[in-house]
Every structure is written in C-alpha cells, then in structure tokens.
Amino acid sequence: MQVHIFRGPGRIFGFTAQPSGENLPQKYAPWSAFKTIELHKEKHTPGIDADECLSDIEAYGVHVTDAHSRITEEAIR
C-alpha cells in the first residue's frame, strides 16, 4: 500500500493513504508533507511498524506516532 507521511509538531508523524492528508487529526495540525512510501504487512521497514501502521489505516484511516510510539487512538479522540 502506498502511504503518505506527514510531519506534525515536535516528533508527531501522521500516516495515511490520502495524498492530501486531509483526514489527519486537526489537534496536531499543521501537517506538512514529509514523504510517500510503499508499505507491506510482515515486511520490515526501518523506523515504522508496518503491520501496526497498516492495521491503523485500515481501522481508523490514519496512523499517528509520537517519537515512534503509536498514539493513534488518543489522536483521533
């Protein structure tokens, strides 16, 4: 899956399948485009837990981290 990565404040990063990032949580805006990568479940990707990321995107539409720690559920509240 092609995943678009956006940078928020501090060490916050948002991951989404939407190129515009419009579905990222506004509480961490402004978001700036960082890069686009191809992620696959069960395939090692440095700095990203691909399985966790893709599962969150499937369930919530986004995956959000703070210093590489998952905060998706907190971010979308």
N, C-alpha and C. Protein backbone atom coordinates (compact mmCIF):
# COMPACT_ATOMS: atom_id res chain seq x y z
N MET A 1 0.83 -1.17 0.00
CA MET A 1 0.00 0.00 0.00
C MET A 1 0.88 1.24 0.00
N GLN A 2 0.49 2.23 -0.76
CA GLN A 2 1.21 3.49 -0.77
C GLN A 2 0.71 4.32 0.43
N VAL A 3 1.65 4.77 1.26
CA VAL A 3 1.32 5.52 2.46
C VAL A 3 2.02 6.88 2.41
N HIS A 4 1.26 7.91 2.71
CA HIS A 4 1.78 9.28 2.71
C HIS A 4 2.06 9.66 4.16
N ILE A 5 3.26 10.15 4.40
CA ILE A 5 3.69 10.51 5.75
C ILE A 5 3.74 12.02 5.85
N PHE A 6 3.17 12.52 6.95
CA PHE A 6 3.13 13.95 7.22
C PHE A 6 3.74 14.21 8.58
N ARG A 7 4.40 15.36 8.70
CA ARG A 7 5.01 15.74 9.97
C ARG A 7 4.12 16.77 10.66
N GLY A 8 3.89 16.54 11.96
CA GLY A 8 3.15 17.49 12.77
C GLY A 8 4.13 18.21 13.69
N PRO A 9 3.65 18.77 14.79
CA PRO A 9 4.54 19.47 15.72
C PRO A 9 5.45 18.49 16.48
N GLY A 10 6.63 18.95 16.83
CA GLY A 10 7.56 18.12 17.59
C GLY A 10 7.92 16.85 16.85
N ARG A 11 7.69 15.71 17.50
CA ARG A 11 8.04 14.42 16.91
C ARG A 11 6.80 13.63 16.51
N ILE A 12 5.73 14.35 16.18
CA ILE A 12 4.47 13.74 15.74
C ILE A 12 4.52 13.49 14.24
N PHE A 13 4.14 12.27 13.84
CA PHE A 13 4.02 11.93 12.42
C PHE A 13 2.68 11.27 12.17
N GLY A 14 2.07 11.60 11.04
CA GLY A 14 0.81 11.02 10.64
C GLY A 14 0.99 10.25 9.35
N PHE A 15 0.35 9.11 9.25
CA PHE A 15 0.43 8.22 8.09
C PHE A 15 -0.99 8.03 7.57
N THR A 16 -1.17 8.13 6.26
CA THR A 16 -2.49 7.99 5.67
C THR A 16 -2.37 7.55 4.21
N ALA A 17 -3.43 6.96 3.69
CA ALA A 17 -3.46 6.60 2.28
C ALA A 17 -3.89 7.79 1.42
N GLN A 18 -4.38 8.85 2.06
CA GLN A 18 -4.84 10.03 1.33
C GLN A 18 -3.67 10.97 1.05
N PRO A 19 -3.38 11.22 -0.21
CA PRO A 19 -2.24 12.08 -0.56
C PRO A 19 -2.33 13.49 0.03
N SER A 20 -3.53 14.00 0.24
CA SER A 20 -3.71 15.35 0.77
C SER A 20 -3.51 15.42 2.29
N GLY A 21 -3.66 14.28 2.98
CA GLY A 21 -3.55 14.26 4.43
C GLY A 21 -4.74 14.90 5.13
N GLU A 22 -5.81 15.16 4.39
CA GLU A 22 -6.96 15.87 4.96
C GLU A 22 -7.67 15.12 6.08
N ASN A 23 -7.43 13.83 6.21
CA ASN A 23 -8.08 13.06 7.27
C ASN A 23 -7.24 12.95 8.53
N LEU A 24 -6.09 13.61 8.57
CA LEU A 24 -5.25 13.58 9.78
C LEU A 24 -5.87 14.43 10.88
N PRO A 25 -5.68 14.07 12.15
CA PRO A 25 -6.30 14.79 13.26
C PRO A 25 -5.86 16.26 13.32
N GLN A 26 -6.85 17.14 13.40
CA GLN A 26 -6.57 18.58 13.44
C GLN A 26 -5.86 19.01 14.73
N LYS A 27 -5.98 18.20 15.78
CA LYS A 27 -5.33 18.59 17.04
C LYS A 27 -3.81 18.65 16.92
N TYR A 28 -3.24 18.04 15.88
CA TYR A 28 -1.80 18.09 15.67
C TYR A 28 -1.42 18.91 14.43
N ALA A 29 -2.34 19.64 13.88
CA ALA A 29 -2.07 20.49 12.72
C ALA A 29 -1.19 21.67 13.16
N PRO A 30 -0.45 22.27 12.27
CA PRO A 30 -0.46 21.99 10.84
C PRO A 30 0.40 20.77 10.49
N TRP A 31 -0.03 20.06 9.48
CA TRP A 31 0.69 18.91 8.95
C TRP A 31 1.44 19.34 7.70
N SER A 32 2.65 18.89 7.56
CA SER A 32 3.39 19.16 6.32
C SER A 32 3.83 17.83 5.71
N ALA A 33 3.71 17.75 4.40
CA ALA A 33 4.07 16.52 3.68
C ALA A 33 5.54 16.20 3.94
N PHE A 34 5.82 14.95 4.25
CA PHE A 34 7.18 14.51 4.54
C PHE A 34 7.70 13.61 3.42
N LYS A 35 7.02 12.49 3.19
CA LYS A 35 7.38 11.60 2.08
C LYS A 35 6.29 10.56 1.86
N THR A 36 6.40 9.85 0.76
CA THR A 36 5.48 8.77 0.42
C THR A 36 6.29 7.50 0.28
N ILE A 37 5.78 6.41 0.89
CA ILE A 37 6.48 5.14 0.84
C ILE A 37 5.50 4.02 0.51
N GLU A 38 6.03 2.89 0.17
CA GLU A 38 5.25 1.69 -0.07
C GLU A 38 5.42 0.79 1.16
N LEU A 39 4.31 0.43 1.82
CA LEU A 39 4.36 -0.44 2.99
C LEU A 39 3.65 -1.75 2.70
N HIS A 40 4.18 -2.82 3.26
CA HIS A 40 3.57 -4.14 3.12
C HIS A 40 3.59 -4.82 4.48
N LYS A 41 2.49 -5.49 4.83
CA LYS A 41 2.44 -6.23 6.10
C LYS A 41 3.51 -7.31 6.09
N GLU A 42 4.06 -7.53 7.28
CA GLU A 42 5.09 -8.55 7.51
C GLU A 42 6.39 -8.28 6.76
N LYS A 43 6.61 -7.04 6.33
CA LYS A 43 7.87 -6.67 5.69
C LYS A 43 8.52 -5.57 6.52
N HIS A 44 9.77 -5.79 6.91
CA HIS A 44 10.50 -4.82 7.74
C HIS A 44 10.68 -3.50 6.99
N THR A 45 10.32 -2.42 7.67
CA THR A 45 10.54 -1.07 7.16
C THR A 45 11.20 -0.29 8.28
N PRO A 46 12.43 0.19 8.09
CA PRO A 46 13.14 0.90 9.16
C PRO A 46 12.34 2.08 9.71
N GLY A 47 12.22 2.14 11.04
CA GLY A 47 11.56 3.25 11.72
C GLY A 47 10.04 3.19 11.75
N ILE A 48 9.44 2.18 11.10
CA ILE A 48 7.99 2.07 11.04
C ILE A 48 7.57 0.63 11.32
N ASP A 49 6.59 0.45 12.17
CA ASP A 49 5.99 -0.87 12.37
C ASP A 49 4.91 -0.99 11.29
N ALA A 50 5.26 -1.58 10.18
CA ALA A 50 4.36 -1.65 9.02
C ALA A 50 3.04 -2.33 9.35
N ASP A 51 3.07 -3.41 10.12
CA ASP A 51 1.83 -4.11 10.47
C ASP A 51 0.90 -3.20 11.28
N GLU A 52 1.46 -2.54 12.28
CA GLU A 52 0.68 -1.64 13.12
C GLU A 52 0.14 -0.46 12.31
N CYS A 53 0.99 0.12 11.48
CA CYS A 53 0.60 1.25 10.65
C CYS A 53 -0.54 0.89 9.71
N LEU A 54 -0.39 -0.19 8.98
CA LEU A 54 -1.41 -0.60 8.02
C LEU A 54 -2.70 -1.02 8.71
N SER A 55 -2.60 -1.64 9.87
CA SER A 55 -3.80 -2.01 10.63
C SER A 55 -4.57 -0.77 11.08
N ASP A 56 -3.85 0.26 11.55
CA ASP A 56 -4.50 1.51 11.96
C ASP A 56 -5.15 2.20 10.77
N ILE A 57 -4.47 2.23 9.64
CA ILE A 57 -5.04 2.87 8.46
C ILE A 57 -6.31 2.15 8.04
N GLU A 58 -6.30 0.83 8.13
CA GLU A 58 -7.48 0.05 7.78
C GLU A 58 -8.63 0.33 8.76
N ALA A 59 -8.32 0.42 10.04
CA ALA A 59 -9.36 0.60 11.06
C ALA A 59 -9.81 2.05 11.23
N TYR A 60 -8.86 2.99 11.18
CA TYR A 60 -9.15 4.39 11.51
C TYR A 60 -8.93 5.37 10.35
N GLY A 61 -8.26 4.92 9.31
CA GLY A 61 -7.93 5.82 8.20
C GLY A 61 -6.60 6.52 8.37
N VAL A 62 -6.04 6.47 9.58
CA VAL A 62 -4.76 7.12 9.88
C VAL A 62 -3.97 6.29 10.89
N HIS A 63 -2.69 6.58 10.95
CA HIS A 63 -1.80 6.03 11.98
C HIS A 63 -0.99 7.23 12.45
N VAL A 64 -0.92 7.45 13.76
CA VAL A 64 -0.22 8.61 14.31
C VAL A 64 0.78 8.13 15.34
N THR A 65 1.99 8.70 15.27
CA THR A 65 3.04 8.36 16.23
C THR A 65 3.63 9.62 16.87
N ASP A 66 4.17 9.44 18.06
CA ASP A 66 4.92 10.48 18.74
C ASP A 66 6.24 9.83 19.13
N ALA A 67 7.32 10.29 18.54
CA ALA A 67 8.65 9.72 18.79
C ALA A 67 8.63 8.20 18.56
N HIS A 68 8.01 7.78 17.48
CA HIS A 68 7.91 6.38 17.04
C HIS A 68 6.99 5.52 17.90
N SER A 69 6.28 6.13 18.86
CA SER A 69 5.32 5.38 19.68
C SER A 69 3.91 5.67 19.16
N ARG A 70 3.14 4.63 19.01
CA ARG A 70 1.77 4.74 18.48
C ARG A 70 0.88 5.53 19.42
N ILE A 71 0.20 6.56 18.89
CA ILE A 71 -0.77 7.34 19.67
C ILE A 71 -2.07 7.51 18.87
N THR A 72 -2.34 6.62 17.95
CA THR A 72 -3.47 6.77 17.04
C THR A 72 -4.79 6.97 17.76
N GLU A 73 -5.13 6.09 18.69
CA GLU A 73 -6.43 6.18 19.36
C GLU A 73 -6.57 7.47 20.15
N GLU A 74 -5.51 7.90 20.81
CA GLU A 74 -5.52 9.17 21.55
C GLU A 74 -5.67 10.34 20.57
N ALA A 75 -5.02 10.25 19.44
CA ALA A 75 -5.02 11.35 18.47
C ALA A 75 -6.38 11.58 17.83
N ILE A 76 -7.16 10.52 17.64
CA ILE A 76 -8.43 10.68 16.94
C ILE A 76 -9.60 10.98 17.88
N ARG A 77 -9.37 11.02 19.17
CA ARG A 77 -10.45 11.35 20.13
C ARG A 77 -10.82 12.78 20.03
